[in-house]
Amino acid sequence: MLAEKQQELNNVVLKYGLRSKEALYISQELDIMINQVMKEKALT
């Protein structure tokens, strides 16, 4: 599932031609959100 989300992000980056710096920022933000969700799921 997480790999699918990463692939979706990659597709968006390719589609819209975001500059690599912007794409990297978005990827980092996504990683942070995923980590938060995983921590919350681990606690329950």
PDB file of N, CA and C in Angstrom:
ATOM      1  N   MET A   1       0.831  -1.206   0.000  1.00  0.00           N
ATOM      2  CA  MET A   1       0.000   0.000   0.000  1.00  0.00           C
ATOM      3  C   MET A   1       0.867   1.258   0.000  1.00  0.00           C
ATOM      4  N   LEU A   2       1.852   1.306   0.902  1.00  0.00           N
ATOM      5  CA  LEU A   2       2.719   2.479   0.954  1.00  0.00           C
ATOM      6  C   LEU A   2       3.523   2.609  -0.336  1.00  0.00           C
ATOM      7  N   ALA A   3       3.930   1.471  -0.872  1.00  0.00           N
ATOM      8  CA  ALA A   3       4.670   1.493  -2.137  1.00  0.00           C
ATOM      9  C   ALA A   3       3.791   2.055  -3.252  1.00  0.00           C
ATOM     10  N   GLU A   4       2.492   1.735  -3.196  1.00  0.00           N
ATOM     11  CA  GLU A   4       1.558   2.259  -4.196  1.00  0.00           C
ATOM     12  C   GLU A   4       1.472   3.775  -4.096  1.00  0.00           C
ATOM     13  N   LYS A   5       1.420   4.281  -2.863  1.00  0.00           N
ATOM     14  CA  LYS A   5       1.351   5.732  -2.665  1.00  0.00           C
ATOM     15  C   LYS A   5       2.607   6.399  -3.212  1.00  0.00           C
ATOM     16  N   GLN A   6       3.753   5.788  -2.967  1.00  0.00           N
ATOM     17  CA  GLN A   6       5.013   6.344  -3.464  1.00  0.00           C
ATOM     18  C   GLN A   6       5.011   6.350  -4.989  1.00  0.00           C
ATOM     19  N   GLN A   7       4.474   5.283  -5.577  1.00  0.00           N
ATOM     20  CA  GLN A   7       4.400   5.203  -7.038  1.00  0.00           C
ATOM     21  C   GLN A   7       3.467   6.277  -7.581  1.00  0.00           C
ATOM     22  N   GLU A   8       2.346   6.499  -6.886  1.00  0.00           N
ATOM     23  CA  GLU A   8       1.415   7.561  -7.296  1.00  0.00           C
ATOM     24  C   GLU A   8       2.124   8.908  -7.276  1.00  0.00           C
ATOM     25  N   LEU A   9       2.896   9.149  -6.220  1.00  0.00           N
ATOM     26  CA  LEU A   9       3.637  10.404  -6.101  1.00  0.00           C
ATOM     27  C   LEU A   9       4.620  10.543  -7.260  1.00  0.00           C
ATOM     28  N   ASN A  10       5.335   9.456  -7.546  1.00  0.00           N
ATOM     29  CA  ASN A  10       6.295   9.481  -8.654  1.00  0.00           C
ATOM     30  C   ASN A  10       5.598   9.810  -9.967  1.00  0.00           C
ATOM     31  N   ASN A  11       4.419   9.224 -10.169  1.00  0.00           N
ATOM     32  CA  ASN A  11       3.657   9.480 -11.393  1.00  0.00           C
ATOM     33  C   ASN A  11       3.248  10.943 -11.489  1.00  0.00           C
ATOM     34  N   VAL A  12       2.815  11.508 -10.364  1.00  0.00           N
ATOM     35  CA  VAL A  12       2.424  12.922 -10.339  1.00  0.00           C
ATOM     36  C   VAL A  12       3.619  13.800 -10.679  1.00  0.00           C
ATOM     37  N   VAL A  13       4.766  13.478 -10.083  1.00  0.00           N
ATOM     38  CA  VAL A  13       5.983  14.248 -10.345  1.00  0.00           C
ATOM     39  C   VAL A  13       6.319  14.211 -11.830  1.00  0.00           C
ATOM     40  N   LEU A  14       6.256  13.024 -12.420  1.00  0.00           N
ATOM     41  CA  LEU A  14       6.561  12.897 -13.847  1.00  0.00           C
ATOM     42  C   LEU A  14       5.543  13.648 -14.695  1.00  0.00           C
ATOM     43  N   LYS A  15       4.270  13.513 -14.324  1.00  0.00           N
ATOM     44  CA  LYS A  15       3.181  14.101 -15.099  1.00  0.00           C
ATOM     45  C   LYS A  15       3.267  15.624 -15.128  1.00  0.00           C
ATOM     46  N   TYR A  16       3.505  16.204 -13.960  1.00  0.00           N
ATOM     47  CA  TYR A  16       3.499  17.664 -13.874  1.00  0.00           C
ATOM     48  C   TYR A  16       4.885  18.277 -13.988  1.00  0.00           C
ATOM     49  N   GLY A  17       5.903  17.424 -14.049  1.00  0.00           N
ATOM     50  CA  GLY A  17       7.259  17.918 -14.239  1.00  0.00           C
ATOM     51  C   GLY A  17       7.731  18.833 -13.121  1.00  0.00           C
ATOM     52  N   LEU A  18       7.420  18.463 -11.901  1.00  0.00           N
ATOM     53  CA  LEU A  18       7.878  19.268 -10.772  1.00  0.00           C
ATOM     54  C   LEU A  18       9.398  19.253 -10.723  1.00  0.00           C
ATOM     55  N   ARG A  19       9.965  20.358 -10.285  1.00  0.00           N
ATOM     56  CA  ARG A  19      11.407  20.390 -10.097  1.00  0.00           C
ATOM     57  C   ARG A  19      11.765  19.416  -8.983  1.00  0.00           C
ATOM     58  N   SER A  20      12.927  18.843  -9.079  1.00  0.00           N
ATOM     59  CA  SER A  20      13.320  17.791  -8.141  1.00  0.00           C
ATOM     60  C   SER A  20      13.288  18.266  -6.687  1.00  0.00           C
ATOM     61  N   LYS A  21      13.598  19.536  -6.453  1.00  0.00           N
ATOM     62  CA  LYS A  21      13.579  20.052  -5.079  1.00  0.00           C
ATOM     63  C   LYS A  21      12.161  20.010  -4.523  1.00  0.00           C
ATOM     64  N   GLU A  22      11.191  20.418  -5.326  1.00  0.00           N
ATOM     65  CA  GLU A  22       9.787  20.380  -4.894  1.00  0.00           C
ATOM     66  C   GLU A  22       9.334  18.947  -4.686  1.00  0.00           C
ATOM     67  N   ALA A  23       9.711  18.075  -5.609  1.00  0.00           N
ATOM     68  CA  ALA A  23       9.327  16.668  -5.515  1.00  0.00           C
ATOM     69  C   ALA A  23       9.915  16.040  -4.258  1.00  0.00           C
ATOM     70  N   LEU A  24      11.153  16.372  -3.959  1.00  0.00           N
ATOM     71  CA  LEU A  24      11.812  15.840  -2.766  1.00  0.00           C
ATOM     72  C   LEU A  24      11.094  16.321  -1.516  1.00  0.00           C
ATOM     73  N   TYR A  25      10.716  17.600  -1.498  1.00  0.00           N
ATOM     74  CA  TYR A  25       9.991  18.151  -0.348  1.00  0.00           C
ATOM     75  C   TYR A  25       8.673  17.418  -0.144  1.00  0.00           C
ATOM     76  N   ILE A  26       7.927  17.227  -1.222  1.00  0.00           N
ATOM     77  CA  ILE A  26       6.640  16.528  -1.145  1.00  0.00           C
ATOM     78  C   ILE A  26       6.860  15.102  -0.643  1.00  0.00           C
ATOM     79  N   SER A  27       7.887  14.451  -1.155  1.00  0.00           N
ATOM     80  CA  SER A  27       8.192  13.078  -0.753  1.00  0.00           C
ATOM     81  C   SER A  27       8.510  13.009   0.736  1.00  0.00           C
ATOM     82  N   GLN A  28       9.278  13.982   1.229  1.00  0.00           N
ATOM     83  CA  GLN A  28       9.620  14.010   2.653  1.00  0.00           C
ATOM     84  C   GLN A  28       8.381  14.238   3.503  1.00  0.00           C
ATOM     85  N   GLU A  29       7.518  15.147   3.064  1.00  0.00           N
ATOM     86  CA  GLU A  29       6.272  15.409   3.794  1.00  0.00           C
ATOM     87  C   GLU A  29       5.424  14.142   3.851  1.00  0.00           C
ATOM     88  N   LEU A  30       5.350  13.431   2.730  1.00  0.00           N
ATOM     89  CA  LEU A  30       4.575  12.194   2.660  1.00  0.00           C
ATOM     90  C   LEU A  30       5.157  11.153   3.612  1.00  0.00           C
ATOM     91  N   ASP A  31       6.485  11.039   3.630  1.00  0.00           N
ATOM     92  CA  ASP A  31       7.141  10.089   4.534  1.00  0.00           C
ATOM     93  C   ASP A  31       6.809  10.398   5.985  1.00  0.00           C
ATOM     94  N   ILE A  32       6.816  11.689   6.345  1.00  0.00           N
ATOM     95  CA  ILE A  32       6.495  12.101   7.712  1.00  0.00           C
ATOM     96  C   ILE A  32       5.065  11.701   8.062  1.00  0.00           C
ATOM     97  N   MET A  33       4.141  11.960   7.150  1.00  0.00           N
ATOM     98  CA  MET A  33       2.731  11.612   7.396  1.00  0.00           C
ATOM     99  C   MET A  33       2.564  10.104   7.536  1.00  0.00           C
ATOM    100  N   ILE A  34       3.231   9.347   6.675  1.00  0.00           N
ATOM    101  CA  ILE A  34       3.152   7.882   6.732  1.00  0.00           C
ATOM    102  C   ILE A  34       3.695   7.389   8.068  1.00  0.00           C
ATOM    103  N   ASN A  35       4.819   7.951   8.499  1.00  0.00           N
ATOM    104  CA  ASN A  35       5.413   7.541   9.772  1.00  0.00           C
ATOM    105  C   ASN A  35       4.471   7.816  10.928  1.00  0.00           C
ATOM    106  N   GLN A  36       3.799   8.965  10.901  1.00  0.00           N
ATOM    107  CA  GLN A  36       2.837   9.305  11.954  1.00  0.00           C
ATOM    108  C   GLN A  36       1.704   8.288  11.995  1.00  0.00           C
ATOM    109  N   VAL A  37       1.176   7.953  10.839  1.00  0.00           N
ATOM    110  CA  VAL A  37       0.073   6.993  10.758  1.00  0.00           C
ATOM    111  C   VAL A  37       0.518   5.631  11.276  1.00  0.00           C
ATOM    112  N   MET A  38       1.717   5.200  10.876  1.00  0.00           N
ATOM    113  CA  MET A  38       2.220   3.900  11.307  1.00  0.00           C
ATOM    114  C   MET A  38       2.412   3.867  12.823  1.00  0.00           C
ATOM    115  N   LYS A  39       2.896   4.967  13.404  1.00  0.00           N
ATOM    116  CA  LYS A  39       3.075   5.035  14.857  1.00  0.00           C
ATOM    117  C   LYS A  39       1.732   4.942  15.562  1.00  0.00           C
ATOM    118  N   GLU A  40       0.749   5.658  15.049  1.00  0.00           N
ATOM    119  CA  GLU A  40      -0.583   5.640  15.659  1.00  0.00           C
ATOM    120  C   GLU A  40      -1.195   4.245  15.578  1.00  0.00           C
ATOM    121  N   LYS A  41      -1.007   3.577  14.442  1.00  0.00           N
ATOM    122  CA  LYS A  41      -1.549   2.220  14.288  1.00  0.00           C
ATOM    123  C   LYS A  41      -0.835   1.256  15.228  1.00  0.00           C
ATOM    124  N   ALA A  42       0.451   1.473  15.437  1.00  0.00           N
ATOM    125  CA  ALA A  42       1.230   0.599  16.318  1.00  0.00           C
ATOM    126  C   ALA A  42       0.782   0.753  17.772  1.00  0.00           C
ATOM    127  N   LEU A  43       0.322   1.935  18.129  1.00  0.00           N
ATOM    128  CA  LEU A  43      -0.102   2.197  19.507  1.00  0.00           C
ATOM    129  C   LEU A  43      -1.461   1.598  19.828  1.00  0.00           C
ATOM    130  N   THR A  44      -2.289   1.438  18.815  1.00  0.00           N
ATOM    131  CA  THR A  44      -3.648   0.933  19.076  1.00  0.00           C
ATOM    132  C   THR A  44      -3.685  -0.582  19.059  1.00  0.00           C
TER     133      THR A  44
END
